[in-house]
Amino acid sequence: MTAGVMSPPNTDALAILREYRTLAPWGLRDLAAVAVAVLEASNVVPLNAAARARPTERTIRYYVTRGLVSPPEGRGTAAVYGYRHLLQVLAIKLRQMEGATLDALTAEFAGMTGDVVERRVAAVLGASLPPADRLPLLRAAGAGRGRVGRAMQQWLQPPSSNGHHGTSCRRLVVAPGVELLVDEHHPALRLAAGEPALTDAVRQALGRLLEGE
């Protein structure tokens, strides 16, 4: 994720990264937990000591004072962090992995838009970035506890028809003569790529099925 020429991000990596946006907002502890989980699950193994240190609540507060991470919404225990903050924390650690110092990053990140930061993070993590539903945070001891665990479990849990009345569905046209009905609350519709990606995936699966016959 250098400041110079960089290869474009993998489209799948960018879509997967945007899945984490649905899990926000977080408290400071949860933000640190998600950032650490993403880095570890992505097998990011930096060589220098500064980059090896995983982001903690204390380091994120320091990043905020340095202007590397945007201030949260609210103050104290009511402070809330979003997807943008996660991207900023990941970008810092990934650039440190490449040898950048915090002083250099302060100048580099000045005026950088969130879209650029997002694409840089996606480009570096690439195919190693785990989808939100495969983040080890859910599978480790005590998974599902705390705000992060509860938010992820709720996001991943398919909707139940029990006790729910008047559930509406979206009708997606897959191919001539083939339509897909999806509960509007289903997690598949909350993916970054949304309905087009879901429709395309079903269309490809149908094509493979017909080719097999």
N, C-alpha and C. Protein backbone atom coordinates (compact mmCIF):
# COMPACT_ATOMS: atom_id res chain seq x y z
N MET A 1 0.85 -1.19 0.00
CA MET A 1 0.00 0.00 0.00
C MET A 1 0.88 1.24 0.00
N THR A 2 1.75 1.29 -0.93
CA THR A 2 2.68 2.40 -1.00
C THR A 2 1.99 3.61 -1.57
N ALA A 3 2.66 4.75 -1.39
CA ALA A 3 2.08 6.01 -1.86
C ALA A 3 2.23 6.15 -3.37
N GLY A 4 3.04 5.28 -3.98
CA GLY A 4 3.28 5.39 -5.41
C GLY A 4 2.30 4.56 -6.20
N VAL A 5 2.81 3.90 -7.27
CA VAL A 5 1.96 3.11 -8.13
C VAL A 5 1.50 1.87 -7.39
N MET A 6 0.23 1.55 -7.52
CA MET A 6 -0.32 0.42 -6.81
C MET A 6 -1.29 -0.30 -7.71
N SER A 7 -1.27 -1.63 -7.67
CA SER A 7 -2.19 -2.40 -8.49
C SER A 7 -3.61 -2.20 -7.97
N PRO A 8 -4.61 -2.25 -8.86
CA PRO A 8 -5.99 -2.05 -8.43
C PRO A 8 -6.42 -3.16 -7.50
N PRO A 9 -7.35 -2.86 -6.58
CA PRO A 9 -7.80 -3.88 -5.63
C PRO A 9 -8.61 -4.96 -6.32
N ASN A 10 -8.51 -6.17 -5.80
CA ASN A 10 -9.34 -7.26 -6.27
C ASN A 10 -10.80 -6.91 -5.97
N THR A 11 -11.66 -7.05 -6.98
CA THR A 11 -13.06 -6.68 -6.81
C THR A 11 -13.71 -7.46 -5.68
N ASP A 12 -13.39 -8.74 -5.58
CA ASP A 12 -13.95 -9.56 -4.50
C ASP A 12 -13.47 -9.07 -3.15
N ALA A 13 -12.19 -8.70 -3.04
CA ALA A 13 -11.65 -8.22 -1.78
C ALA A 13 -12.35 -6.93 -1.35
N LEU A 14 -12.63 -6.07 -2.30
CA LEU A 14 -13.30 -4.81 -1.99
C LEU A 14 -14.72 -5.08 -1.50
N ALA A 15 -15.41 -6.02 -2.15
CA ALA A 15 -16.77 -6.36 -1.73
C ALA A 15 -16.78 -6.99 -0.35
N ILE A 16 -15.80 -7.87 -0.09
CA ILE A 16 -15.72 -8.52 1.22
C ILE A 16 -15.42 -7.49 2.30
N LEU A 17 -14.50 -6.58 1.99
CA LEU A 17 -14.16 -5.55 2.97
C LEU A 17 -15.38 -4.73 3.34
N ARG A 18 -16.22 -4.43 2.37
CA ARG A 18 -17.40 -3.61 2.62
C ARG A 18 -18.45 -4.34 3.44
N GLU A 19 -18.34 -5.67 3.55
CA GLU A 19 -19.27 -6.40 4.42
C GLU A 19 -19.13 -5.95 5.87
N TYR A 20 -17.91 -5.56 6.25
CA TYR A 20 -17.66 -5.16 7.64
C TYR A 20 -18.36 -3.86 7.99
N ARG A 21 -18.72 -3.10 6.97
CA ARG A 21 -19.43 -1.84 7.20
C ARG A 21 -20.77 -2.09 7.89
N THR A 22 -21.38 -3.24 7.58
CA THR A 22 -22.69 -3.56 8.16
C THR A 22 -22.59 -3.87 9.64
N LEU A 23 -21.41 -4.25 10.12
CA LEU A 23 -21.24 -4.62 11.52
C LEU A 23 -21.05 -3.41 12.42
N ALA A 24 -20.72 -2.25 11.84
CA ALA A 24 -20.54 -1.03 12.64
C ALA A 24 -21.91 -0.51 13.08
N PRO A 25 -21.96 0.32 14.12
CA PRO A 25 -20.83 0.97 14.81
C PRO A 25 -20.29 0.11 15.96
N TRP A 26 -19.11 0.51 16.43
CA TRP A 26 -18.44 -0.20 17.51
C TRP A 26 -18.02 0.79 18.60
N GLY A 27 -17.82 0.24 19.79
CA GLY A 27 -17.11 0.96 20.83
C GLY A 27 -15.62 0.80 20.55
N LEU A 28 -14.80 1.48 21.31
CA LEU A 28 -13.35 1.44 21.07
C LEU A 28 -12.80 0.03 21.22
N ARG A 29 -13.22 -0.69 22.26
CA ARG A 29 -12.71 -2.04 22.47
C ARG A 29 -13.10 -2.96 21.32
N ASP A 30 -14.34 -2.82 20.84
CA ASP A 30 -14.79 -3.67 19.75
C ASP A 30 -14.07 -3.33 18.45
N LEU A 31 -13.81 -2.06 18.22
CA LEU A 31 -13.08 -1.65 17.02
C LEU A 31 -11.69 -2.29 17.02
N ALA A 32 -11.00 -2.24 18.16
CA ALA A 32 -9.68 -2.84 18.25
C ALA A 32 -9.76 -4.35 18.02
N ALA A 33 -10.79 -5.00 18.57
CA ALA A 33 -10.94 -6.44 18.43
C ALA A 33 -11.15 -6.84 16.98
N VAL A 34 -11.98 -6.10 16.26
CA VAL A 34 -12.24 -6.41 14.86
C VAL A 34 -10.99 -6.19 14.02
N ALA A 35 -10.28 -5.08 14.26
CA ALA A 35 -9.07 -4.79 13.50
C ALA A 35 -8.02 -5.87 13.69
N VAL A 36 -7.82 -6.30 14.94
CA VAL A 36 -6.85 -7.36 15.24
C VAL A 36 -7.27 -8.66 14.56
N ALA A 37 -8.55 -8.99 14.63
CA ALA A 37 -9.05 -10.23 14.03
C ALA A 37 -8.85 -10.23 12.52
N VAL A 38 -9.09 -9.11 11.87
CA VAL A 38 -8.91 -9.02 10.42
C VAL A 38 -7.44 -9.20 10.06
N LEU A 39 -6.55 -8.54 10.77
CA LEU A 39 -5.13 -8.63 10.48
C LEU A 39 -4.61 -10.05 10.69
N GLU A 40 -5.02 -10.67 11.78
CA GLU A 40 -4.55 -12.02 12.07
C GLU A 40 -5.12 -13.03 11.10
N ALA A 41 -6.40 -12.90 10.77
CA ALA A 41 -7.03 -13.83 9.84
C ALA A 41 -6.49 -13.67 8.42
N SER A 42 -5.96 -12.48 8.11
CA SER A 42 -5.41 -12.22 6.78
C SER A 42 -3.95 -12.65 6.68
N ASN A 43 -3.41 -13.21 7.77
CA ASN A 43 -2.01 -13.66 7.79
C ASN A 43 -1.03 -12.55 7.49
N VAL A 44 -1.33 -11.37 7.99
CA VAL A 44 -0.43 -10.24 7.83
C VAL A 44 0.67 -10.37 8.88
N VAL A 45 1.89 -10.63 8.42
CA VAL A 45 3.01 -10.84 9.34
C VAL A 45 4.11 -9.83 9.02
N PRO A 46 4.05 -8.64 9.58
CA PRO A 46 5.07 -7.62 9.33
C PRO A 46 6.39 -7.98 9.99
N LEU A 47 7.45 -7.42 9.47
CA LEU A 47 8.78 -7.73 9.96
C LEU A 47 9.24 -6.81 11.09
N ASN A 48 8.85 -5.53 11.02
CA ASN A 48 9.34 -4.61 12.04
C ASN A 48 8.45 -4.62 13.28
N ALA A 49 9.05 -4.26 14.41
CA ALA A 49 8.35 -4.34 15.69
C ALA A 49 7.15 -3.42 15.76
N ALA A 50 7.25 -2.23 15.18
CA ALA A 50 6.15 -1.26 15.25
C ALA A 50 4.91 -1.81 14.56
N ALA A 51 5.10 -2.49 13.45
CA ALA A 51 3.95 -3.03 12.72
C ALA A 51 3.45 -4.31 13.34
N ARG A 52 4.33 -5.05 14.03
CA ARG A 52 3.90 -6.30 14.66
C ARG A 52 2.93 -6.05 15.80
N ALA A 53 3.05 -4.91 16.47
CA ALA A 53 2.15 -4.60 17.58
C ALA A 53 0.74 -4.42 17.06
N ARG A 54 -0.18 -5.22 17.55
CA ARG A 54 -1.57 -5.13 17.10
C ARG A 54 -2.24 -3.91 17.71
N PRO A 55 -3.18 -3.30 17.00
CA PRO A 55 -3.84 -2.10 17.53
C PRO A 55 -4.62 -2.39 18.80
N THR A 56 -4.44 -1.56 19.80
CA THR A 56 -5.16 -1.67 21.07
C THR A 56 -5.99 -0.41 21.25
N GLU A 57 -6.79 -0.38 22.30
CA GLU A 57 -7.57 0.81 22.59
C GLU A 57 -6.65 2.02 22.78
N ARG A 58 -5.55 1.78 23.45
CA ARG A 58 -4.62 2.88 23.72
C ARG A 58 -3.98 3.41 22.44
N THR A 59 -3.57 2.50 21.57
CA THR A 59 -2.92 2.95 20.33
C THR A 59 -3.91 3.67 19.42
N ILE A 60 -5.16 3.21 19.41
CA ILE A 60 -6.15 3.88 18.56
C ILE A 60 -6.43 5.29 19.08
N ARG A 61 -6.48 5.44 20.40
CA ARG A 61 -6.64 6.79 20.96
C ARG A 61 -5.47 7.68 20.54
N TYR A 62 -4.29 7.09 20.53
CA TYR A 62 -3.10 7.85 20.13
C TYR A 62 -3.19 8.24 18.66
N TYR A 63 -3.66 7.32 17.82
CA TYR A 63 -3.84 7.63 16.40
C TYR A 63 -4.79 8.81 16.22
N VAL A 64 -5.82 8.86 17.05
CA VAL A 64 -6.79 9.96 16.96
C VAL A 64 -6.11 11.28 17.30
N THR A 65 -5.29 11.28 18.36
CA THR A 65 -4.60 12.52 18.74
C THR A 65 -3.61 12.96 17.68
N ARG A 66 -3.06 12.01 16.93
CA ARG A 66 -2.12 12.34 15.86
C ARG A 66 -2.82 12.74 14.58
N GLY A 67 -4.13 12.59 14.53
CA GLY A 67 -4.87 12.94 13.32
C GLY A 67 -4.86 11.85 12.27
N LEU A 68 -4.37 10.66 12.63
CA LEU A 68 -4.33 9.55 11.68
C LEU A 68 -5.67 8.83 11.62
N VAL A 69 -6.42 8.87 12.70
CA VAL A 69 -7.76 8.29 12.76
C VAL A 69 -8.73 9.40 13.12
N SER A 70 -9.85 9.44 12.44
CA SER A 70 -10.84 10.49 12.68
C SER A 70 -11.42 10.37 14.08
N PRO A 71 -11.77 11.48 14.69
CA PRO A 71 -12.39 11.43 16.02
C PRO A 71 -13.70 10.65 15.95
N PRO A 72 -14.04 9.94 17.01
CA PRO A 72 -15.30 9.20 17.02
C PRO A 72 -16.48 10.13 17.22
N GLU A 73 -17.66 9.57 17.05
CA GLU A 73 -18.87 10.32 17.38
C GLU A 73 -19.15 10.12 18.86
N GLY A 74 -19.30 11.20 19.58
CA GLY A 74 -19.51 11.10 21.01
C GLY A 74 -18.17 11.14 21.75
N ARG A 75 -18.25 11.14 23.06
CA ARG A 75 -17.04 11.24 23.88
C ARG A 75 -17.09 10.23 25.01
N GLY A 76 -15.90 9.91 25.53
CA GLY A 76 -15.81 9.00 26.66
C GLY A 76 -16.34 7.63 26.35
N THR A 77 -17.07 7.05 27.29
CA THR A 77 -17.61 5.70 27.09
C THR A 77 -18.71 5.67 26.04
N ALA A 78 -19.22 6.84 25.66
CA ALA A 78 -20.27 6.91 24.65
C ALA A 78 -19.71 7.08 23.24
N ALA A 79 -18.38 7.10 23.11
CA ALA A 79 -17.75 7.28 21.80
C ALA A 79 -18.07 6.10 20.88
N VAL A 80 -18.39 6.40 19.64
CA VAL A 80 -18.78 5.38 18.67
C VAL A 80 -17.87 5.47 17.44
N TYR A 81 -17.42 4.31 16.98
CA TYR A 81 -16.53 4.24 15.81
C TYR A 81 -17.23 3.46 14.70
N GLY A 82 -16.96 3.86 13.46
CA GLY A 82 -17.60 3.23 12.32
C GLY A 82 -16.62 2.57 11.37
N TYR A 83 -17.14 2.23 10.21
CA TYR A 83 -16.37 1.55 9.16
C TYR A 83 -15.15 2.37 8.74
N ARG A 84 -15.31 3.67 8.65
CA ARG A 84 -14.19 4.54 8.27
C ARG A 84 -13.03 4.40 9.25
N HIS A 85 -13.34 4.32 10.53
CA HIS A 85 -12.29 4.18 11.54
C HIS A 85 -11.57 2.85 11.40
N LEU A 86 -12.32 1.79 11.09
CA LEU A 86 -11.68 0.49 10.89
C LEU A 86 -10.71 0.54 9.72
N LEU A 87 -11.12 1.17 8.63
CA LEU A 87 -10.25 1.30 7.47
C LEU A 87 -8.98 2.06 7.82
N GLN A 88 -9.12 3.13 8.58
CA GLN A 88 -7.96 3.94 8.94
C GLN A 88 -6.98 3.15 9.81
N VAL A 89 -7.50 2.40 10.77
CA VAL A 89 -6.63 1.60 11.63
C VAL A 89 -5.90 0.53 10.81
N LEU A 90 -6.63 -0.15 9.93
CA LEU A 90 -6.01 -1.17 9.09
C LEU A 90 -4.96 -0.55 8.17
N ALA A 91 -5.28 0.61 7.61
CA ALA A 91 -4.34 1.27 6.70
C ALA A 91 -3.04 1.63 7.41
N ILE A 92 -3.13 2.08 8.65
CA ILE A 92 -1.93 2.43 9.42
C ILE A 92 -1.05 1.21 9.61
N LYS A 93 -1.64 0.10 10.05
CA LYS A 93 -0.86 -1.10 10.33
C LYS A 93 -0.26 -1.68 9.04
N LEU A 94 -1.00 -1.61 7.96
CA LEU A 94 -0.49 -2.15 6.70
C LEU A 94 0.65 -1.30 6.14
N ARG A 95 0.56 0.00 6.31
CA ARG A 95 1.65 0.87 5.85
C ARG A 95 2.86 0.73 6.75
N GLN A 96 2.64 0.53 8.05
CA GLN A 96 3.76 0.27 8.94
C GLN A 96 4.47 -1.02 8.54
N MET A 97 3.70 -1.97 8.05
CA MET A 97 4.27 -3.23 7.59
C MET A 97 5.26 -2.98 6.45
N GLU A 98 5.00 -1.94 5.69
CA GLU A 98 5.87 -1.61 4.56
C GLU A 98 6.99 -0.67 4.97
N GLY A 99 7.06 -0.35 6.27
CA GLY A 99 8.17 0.46 6.76
C GLY A 99 7.86 1.92 6.99
N ALA A 100 6.62 2.35 6.77
CA ALA A 100 6.28 3.76 6.95
C ALA A 100 6.22 4.11 8.43
N THR A 101 6.67 5.30 8.76
CA THR A 101 6.60 5.79 10.14
C THR A 101 5.30 6.58 10.32
N LEU A 102 4.94 6.82 11.57
CA LEU A 102 3.73 7.59 11.83
C LEU A 102 3.86 9.02 11.32
N ASP A 103 5.06 9.58 11.39
CA ASP A 103 5.26 10.93 10.86
C ASP A 103 5.00 10.95 9.36
N ALA A 104 5.50 9.94 8.67
CA ALA A 104 5.29 9.87 7.22
C ALA A 104 3.82 9.66 6.90
N LEU A 105 3.14 8.84 7.71
CA LEU A 105 1.73 8.57 7.47
C LEU A 105 0.86 9.79 7.72
N THR A 106 1.27 10.63 8.67
CA THR A 106 0.50 11.85 8.94
C THR A 106 0.44 12.72 7.69
N ALA A 107 1.57 12.84 7.00
CA ALA A 107 1.60 13.62 5.76
C ALA A 107 0.90 12.90 4.63
N GLU A 108 1.07 11.59 4.57
CA GLU A 108 0.49 10.81 3.48
C GLU A 108 -1.02 10.76 3.53
N PHE A 109 -1.57 10.64 4.74
CA PHE A 109 -3.02 10.51 4.88
C PHE A 109 -3.75 11.85 4.84
N ALA A 110 -3.02 12.94 4.92
CA ALA A 110 -3.66 14.26 4.94
C ALA A 110 -4.46 14.48 3.65
N GLY A 111 -5.72 14.70 3.80
CA GLY A 111 -6.57 14.97 2.63
C GLY A 111 -6.95 13.74 1.84
N MET A 112 -6.53 12.55 2.28
CA MET A 112 -6.86 11.33 1.55
C MET A 112 -8.31 10.95 1.80
N THR A 113 -9.05 10.70 0.76
CA THR A 113 -10.47 10.39 0.90
C THR A 113 -10.66 8.96 1.40
N GLY A 114 -11.83 8.72 1.99
CA GLY A 114 -12.14 7.39 2.49
C GLY A 114 -12.15 6.34 1.40
N ASP A 115 -12.55 6.73 0.19
CA ASP A 115 -12.59 5.79 -0.92
C ASP A 115 -11.19 5.31 -1.27
N VAL A 116 -10.23 6.21 -1.24
CA VAL A 116 -8.85 5.84 -1.54
C VAL A 116 -8.30 4.91 -0.47
N VAL A 117 -8.56 5.23 0.80
CA VAL A 117 -8.10 4.39 1.90
C VAL A 117 -8.69 2.99 1.78
N GLU A 118 -9.98 2.93 1.47
CA GLU A 118 -10.66 1.64 1.34
C GLU A 118 -10.02 0.79 0.24
N ARG A 119 -9.77 1.40 -0.91
CA ARG A 119 -9.21 0.65 -2.02
C ARG A 119 -7.77 0.21 -1.74
N ARG A 120 -7.04 1.00 -1.01
CA ARG A 120 -5.67 0.62 -0.67
C ARG A 120 -5.66 -0.57 0.28
N VAL A 121 -6.53 -0.53 1.26
CA VAL A 121 -6.61 -1.64 2.21
C VAL A 121 -7.01 -2.92 1.48
N ALA A 122 -8.01 -2.83 0.61
CA ALA A 122 -8.47 -4.00 -0.14
C ALA A 122 -7.37 -4.53 -1.04
N ALA A 123 -6.58 -3.63 -1.64
CA ALA A 123 -5.52 -4.05 -2.55
C ALA A 123 -4.43 -4.82 -1.81
N VAL A 124 -4.13 -4.41 -0.59
CA VAL A 124 -3.07 -5.07 0.17
C VAL A 124 -3.54 -6.41 0.73
N LEU A 125 -4.73 -6.43 1.32
CA LEU A 125 -5.23 -7.68 1.91
C LEU A 125 -5.60 -8.69 0.84
N GLY A 126 -6.17 -8.22 -0.25
CA GLY A 126 -6.47 -9.09 -1.38
C GLY A 126 -7.29 -10.32 -1.01
N ALA A 127 -6.90 -11.45 -1.59
CA ALA A 127 -7.65 -12.69 -1.40
C ALA A 127 -7.54 -13.23 0.02
N SER A 128 -6.59 -12.73 0.81
CA SER A 128 -6.42 -13.23 2.17
C SER A 128 -7.46 -12.66 3.13
N LEU A 129 -8.19 -11.63 2.71
CA LEU A 129 -9.19 -11.01 3.58
C LEU A 129 -10.37 -11.96 3.77
N PRO A 130 -10.68 -12.34 5.02
CA PRO A 130 -11.79 -13.28 5.25
C PRO A 130 -13.13 -12.58 5.21
N PRO A 131 -14.16 -13.23 4.67
CA PRO A 131 -15.50 -12.67 4.76
C PRO A 131 -15.89 -12.52 6.23
N ALA A 132 -16.82 -11.64 6.50
CA ALA A 132 -17.19 -11.37 7.89
C ALA A 132 -17.66 -12.62 8.61
N ASP A 133 -18.35 -13.52 7.89
CA ASP A 133 -18.89 -14.70 8.56
C ASP A 133 -17.82 -15.74 8.85
N ARG A 134 -16.59 -15.54 8.37
CA ARG A 134 -15.52 -16.50 8.64
C ARG A 134 -14.44 -15.91 9.55
N LEU A 135 -14.71 -14.76 10.08
CA LEU A 135 -13.73 -14.12 10.95
C LEU A 135 -13.57 -14.97 12.22
N PRO A 136 -12.34 -15.35 12.56
CA PRO A 136 -12.11 -16.20 13.73
C PRO A 136 -12.68 -15.63 15.02
N LEU A 137 -12.96 -14.35 15.03
CA LEU A 137 -13.54 -13.72 16.22
C LEU A 137 -14.80 -14.45 16.66
N LEU A 138 -15.53 -15.01 15.70
CA LEU A 138 -16.75 -15.73 16.01
C LEU A 138 -16.49 -17.15 16.49
N ARG A 139 -15.32 -17.69 16.14
CA ARG A 139 -15.06 -19.09 16.41
C ARG A 139 -14.13 -19.31 17.59
N ALA A 140 -13.56 -18.23 18.11
CA ALA A 140 -12.65 -18.34 19.24
C ALA A 140 -13.43 -18.57 20.52
N ALA A 141 -12.69 -18.85 21.59
CA ALA A 141 -13.34 -19.06 22.89
C ALA A 141 -14.10 -17.80 23.27
N GLY A 142 -15.34 -17.98 23.68
CA GLY A 142 -16.15 -16.83 24.06
C GLY A 142 -16.77 -16.12 22.88
N ALA A 143 -16.74 -16.77 21.71
CA ALA A 143 -17.29 -16.14 20.52
C ALA A 143 -18.77 -15.82 20.73
N GLY A 144 -19.18 -14.71 20.20
CA GLY A 144 -20.57 -14.31 20.33
C GLY A 144 -20.82 -13.45 21.54
N ARG A 145 -19.80 -13.24 22.38
CA ARG A 145 -19.98 -12.40 23.54
C ARG A 145 -19.57 -10.97 23.21
N GLY A 146 -20.12 -10.03 23.93
CA GLY A 146 -19.77 -8.64 23.69
C GLY A 146 -20.53 -8.08 22.52
N ARG A 147 -20.41 -6.79 22.31
CA ARG A 147 -21.18 -6.12 21.26
C ARG A 147 -20.79 -6.60 19.88
N VAL A 148 -19.48 -6.83 19.65
CA VAL A 148 -19.05 -7.29 18.34
C VAL A 148 -19.63 -8.65 18.02
N GLY A 149 -19.49 -9.57 18.98
CA GLY A 149 -20.01 -10.92 18.75
C GLY A 149 -21.50 -10.91 18.51
N ARG A 150 -22.24 -10.16 19.31
CA ARG A 150 -23.70 -10.11 19.15
C ARG A 150 -24.08 -9.49 17.82
N ALA A 151 -23.38 -8.44 17.43
CA ALA A 151 -23.70 -7.77 16.16
C ALA A 151 -23.44 -8.70 14.99
N MET A 152 -22.33 -9.43 15.04
CA MET A 152 -21.99 -10.32 13.93
C MET A 152 -22.96 -11.49 13.87
N GLN A 153 -23.31 -12.05 15.05
CA GLN A 153 -24.25 -13.15 15.06
C GLN A 153 -25.60 -12.72 14.52
N GLN A 154 -26.03 -11.53 14.87
CA GLN A 154 -27.32 -11.03 14.39
C GLN A 154 -27.28 -10.80 12.89
N TRP A 155 -26.15 -10.31 12.40
CA TRP A 155 -26.02 -10.04 10.97
C TRP A 155 -26.02 -11.33 10.17
N LEU A 156 -25.40 -12.38 10.75
CA LEU A 156 -25.24 -13.63 10.02
C LEU A 156 -26.45 -14.55 10.14
N GLN A 157 -27.26 -14.35 11.17
CA GLN A 157 -28.37 -15.26 11.41
C GLN A 157 -29.47 -15.05 10.40
N PRO A 158 -29.85 -16.12 9.68
CA PRO A 158 -30.95 -15.99 8.71
C PRO A 158 -32.23 -15.63 9.43
N PRO A 159 -33.09 -14.86 8.80
CA PRO A 159 -34.34 -14.47 9.45
C PRO A 159 -35.24 -15.66 9.67
N SER A 160 -35.99 -15.65 10.75
CA SER A 160 -36.94 -16.73 11.05
C SER A 160 -38.35 -16.24 10.80
N SER A 161 -39.13 -17.10 10.24
CA SER A 161 -40.52 -16.72 9.95
C SER A 161 -41.40 -16.86 11.18
N ASN A 162 -40.87 -17.53 12.24
CA ASN A 162 -41.67 -17.72 13.44
C ASN A 162 -41.93 -16.40 14.15
N GLY A 163 -43.20 -16.11 14.37
CA GLY A 163 -43.54 -14.91 15.12
C GLY A 163 -43.49 -13.64 14.28
N HIS A 164 -43.19 -13.77 12.97
CA HIS A 164 -43.12 -12.58 12.12
C HIS A 164 -44.24 -12.65 11.10
N HIS A 165 -45.01 -11.62 11.01
CA HIS A 165 -46.12 -11.60 10.07
C HIS A 165 -45.91 -10.47 9.07
N GLY A 166 -46.42 -10.70 7.88
CA GLY A 166 -46.33 -9.67 6.87
C GLY A 166 -44.92 -9.48 6.33
N THR A 167 -44.11 -10.55 6.37
CA THR A 167 -42.75 -10.45 5.84
C THR A 167 -42.80 -10.22 4.34
N SER A 168 -42.05 -9.26 3.86
CA SER A 168 -42.03 -8.96 2.43
C SER A 168 -40.77 -9.53 1.80
N CYS A 169 -40.88 -9.86 0.54
CA CYS A 169 -39.76 -10.45 -0.19
C CYS A 169 -39.45 -9.60 -1.42
N ARG A 170 -38.23 -9.74 -1.87
CA ARG A 170 -37.83 -9.08 -3.11
C ARG A 170 -37.82 -10.13 -4.22
N ARG A 171 -38.36 -9.77 -5.34
CA ARG A 171 -38.42 -10.67 -6.49
C ARG A 171 -37.27 -10.31 -7.44
N LEU A 172 -36.33 -11.23 -7.58
CA LEU A 172 -35.17 -11.01 -8.44
C LEU A 172 -35.29 -11.88 -9.68
N VAL A 173 -35.20 -11.27 -10.84
CA VAL A 173 -35.26 -12.00 -12.10
C VAL A 173 -33.87 -12.55 -12.40
N VAL A 174 -33.76 -13.87 -12.41
CA VAL A 174 -32.47 -14.53 -12.64
C VAL A 174 -32.26 -14.77 -14.13
N ALA A 175 -33.29 -15.31 -14.78
CA ALA A 175 -33.23 -15.62 -16.21
C ALA A 175 -34.66 -15.73 -16.69
N PRO A 176 -34.89 -15.77 -18.00
CA PRO A 176 -36.24 -15.94 -18.51
C PRO A 176 -36.90 -17.18 -17.91
N GLY A 177 -38.01 -16.99 -17.24
CA GLY A 177 -38.71 -18.10 -16.63
C GLY A 177 -38.20 -18.48 -15.25
N VAL A 178 -37.19 -17.77 -14.75
CA VAL A 178 -36.62 -18.09 -13.43
C VAL A 178 -36.57 -16.83 -12.58
N GLU A 179 -37.27 -16.87 -11.45
CA GLU A 179 -37.26 -15.75 -10.52
C GLU A 179 -36.91 -16.25 -9.12
N LEU A 180 -36.29 -15.37 -8.34
CA LEU A 180 -35.85 -15.72 -6.99
C LEU A 180 -36.54 -14.80 -5.99
N LEU A 181 -37.20 -15.40 -4.99
CA LEU A 181 -37.83 -14.64 -3.93
C LEU A 181 -36.92 -14.67 -2.71
N VAL A 182 -36.53 -13.49 -2.22
CA VAL A 182 -35.62 -13.40 -1.08
C VAL A 182 -36.24 -12.51 -0.02
N ASP A 183 -36.27 -13.03 1.21
CA ASP A 183 -36.76 -12.22 2.32
C ASP A 183 -35.92 -10.95 2.39
N GLU A 184 -36.57 -9.81 2.51
CA GLU A 184 -35.85 -8.54 2.47
C GLU A 184 -34.88 -8.37 3.64
N HIS A 185 -35.01 -9.20 4.68
CA HIS A 185 -34.11 -9.12 5.83
C HIS A 185 -32.99 -10.15 5.76
N HIS A 186 -32.94 -10.91 4.69
CA HIS A 186 -31.92 -11.96 4.59
C HIS A 186 -30.53 -11.34 4.47
N PRO A 187 -29.50 -11.92 5.16
CA PRO A 187 -28.14 -11.37 5.11
C PRO A 187 -27.58 -11.22 3.70
N ALA A 188 -28.03 -12.08 2.76
CA ALA A 188 -27.49 -12.02 1.40
C ALA A 188 -27.74 -10.67 0.75
N LEU A 189 -28.82 -10.02 1.13
CA LEU A 189 -29.14 -8.72 0.54
C LEU A 189 -28.35 -7.59 1.19
N ARG A 190 -27.64 -7.89 2.29
CA ARG A 190 -26.88 -6.86 2.97
C ARG A 190 -25.41 -6.88 2.56
N LEU A 191 -25.05 -7.77 1.65
CA LEU A 191 -23.68 -7.78 1.16
C LEU A 191 -23.44 -6.52 0.36
N ALA A 192 -22.15 -6.13 0.25
CA ALA A 192 -21.82 -4.86 -0.40
C ALA A 192 -22.33 -4.81 -1.83
N ALA A 193 -22.20 -5.92 -2.56
CA ALA A 193 -22.57 -5.91 -3.97
C ALA A 193 -24.08 -5.99 -4.15
N GLY A 194 -24.82 -6.42 -3.11
CA GLY A 194 -26.26 -6.40 -3.13
C GLY A 194 -26.91 -7.35 -4.12
N GLU A 195 -28.08 -6.94 -4.60
CA GLU A 195 -28.89 -7.79 -5.46
C GLU A 195 -28.19 -8.24 -6.74
N PRO A 196 -27.44 -7.36 -7.44
CA PRO A 196 -26.78 -7.81 -8.68
C PRO A 196 -25.86 -9.01 -8.46
N ALA A 197 -25.08 -8.99 -7.36
CA ALA A 197 -24.15 -10.09 -7.10
C ALA A 197 -24.91 -11.37 -6.79
N LEU A 198 -25.98 -11.26 -6.01
CA LEU A 198 -26.78 -12.43 -5.67
C LEU A 198 -27.42 -13.03 -6.91
N THR A 199 -28.00 -12.18 -7.74
CA THR A 199 -28.64 -12.65 -8.96
C THR A 199 -27.62 -13.31 -9.89
N ASP A 200 -26.45 -12.70 -10.02
CA ASP A 200 -25.42 -13.25 -10.89
C ASP A 200 -24.94 -14.60 -10.38
N ALA A 201 -24.78 -14.74 -9.06
CA ALA A 201 -24.32 -16.00 -8.49
C ALA A 201 -25.32 -17.13 -8.76
N VAL A 202 -26.61 -16.83 -8.60
CA VAL A 202 -27.64 -17.83 -8.86
C VAL A 202 -27.68 -18.17 -10.34
N ARG A 203 -27.51 -17.16 -11.19
CA ARG A 203 -27.52 -17.38 -12.63
C ARG A 203 -26.37 -18.30 -13.06
N GLN A 204 -25.19 -18.07 -12.46
CA GLN A 204 -24.04 -18.92 -12.79
C GLN A 204 -24.25 -20.34 -12.30
N ALA A 205 -24.81 -20.49 -11.10
CA ALA A 205 -25.07 -21.83 -10.57
C ALA A 205 -26.08 -22.56 -11.45
N LEU A 206 -27.10 -21.85 -11.92
CA LEU A 206 -28.09 -22.45 -12.81
C LEU A 206 -27.45 -22.87 -14.11
N GLY A 207 -26.55 -22.03 -14.63
CA GLY A 207 -25.86 -22.36 -15.87
C GLY A 207 -25.02 -23.62 -15.75
N ARG A 208 -24.32 -23.74 -14.60
CA ARG A 208 -23.50 -24.95 -14.40
C ARG A 208 -24.37 -26.20 -14.29
N LEU A 209 -25.55 -26.05 -13.64
CA LEU A 209 -26.46 -27.16 -13.52
C LEU A 209 -26.98 -27.63 -14.88
N LEU A 210 -27.31 -26.67 -15.73
CA LEU A 210 -27.81 -27.01 -17.05
C LEU A 210 -26.71 -27.61 -17.92
N GLU A 211 -25.49 -27.14 -17.76
CA GLU A 211 -24.38 -27.70 -18.52
C GLU A 211 -24.11 -29.14 -18.12
N GLY A 212 -24.33 -29.44 -16.83
CA GLY A 212 -24.11 -30.80 -16.35
C GLY A 212 -25.11 -31.78 -16.93
N GLU A 213 -26.31 -31.30 -17.25
CA GLU A 213 -27.32 -32.17 -17.86
C GLU A 213 -26.99 -32.43 -19.32
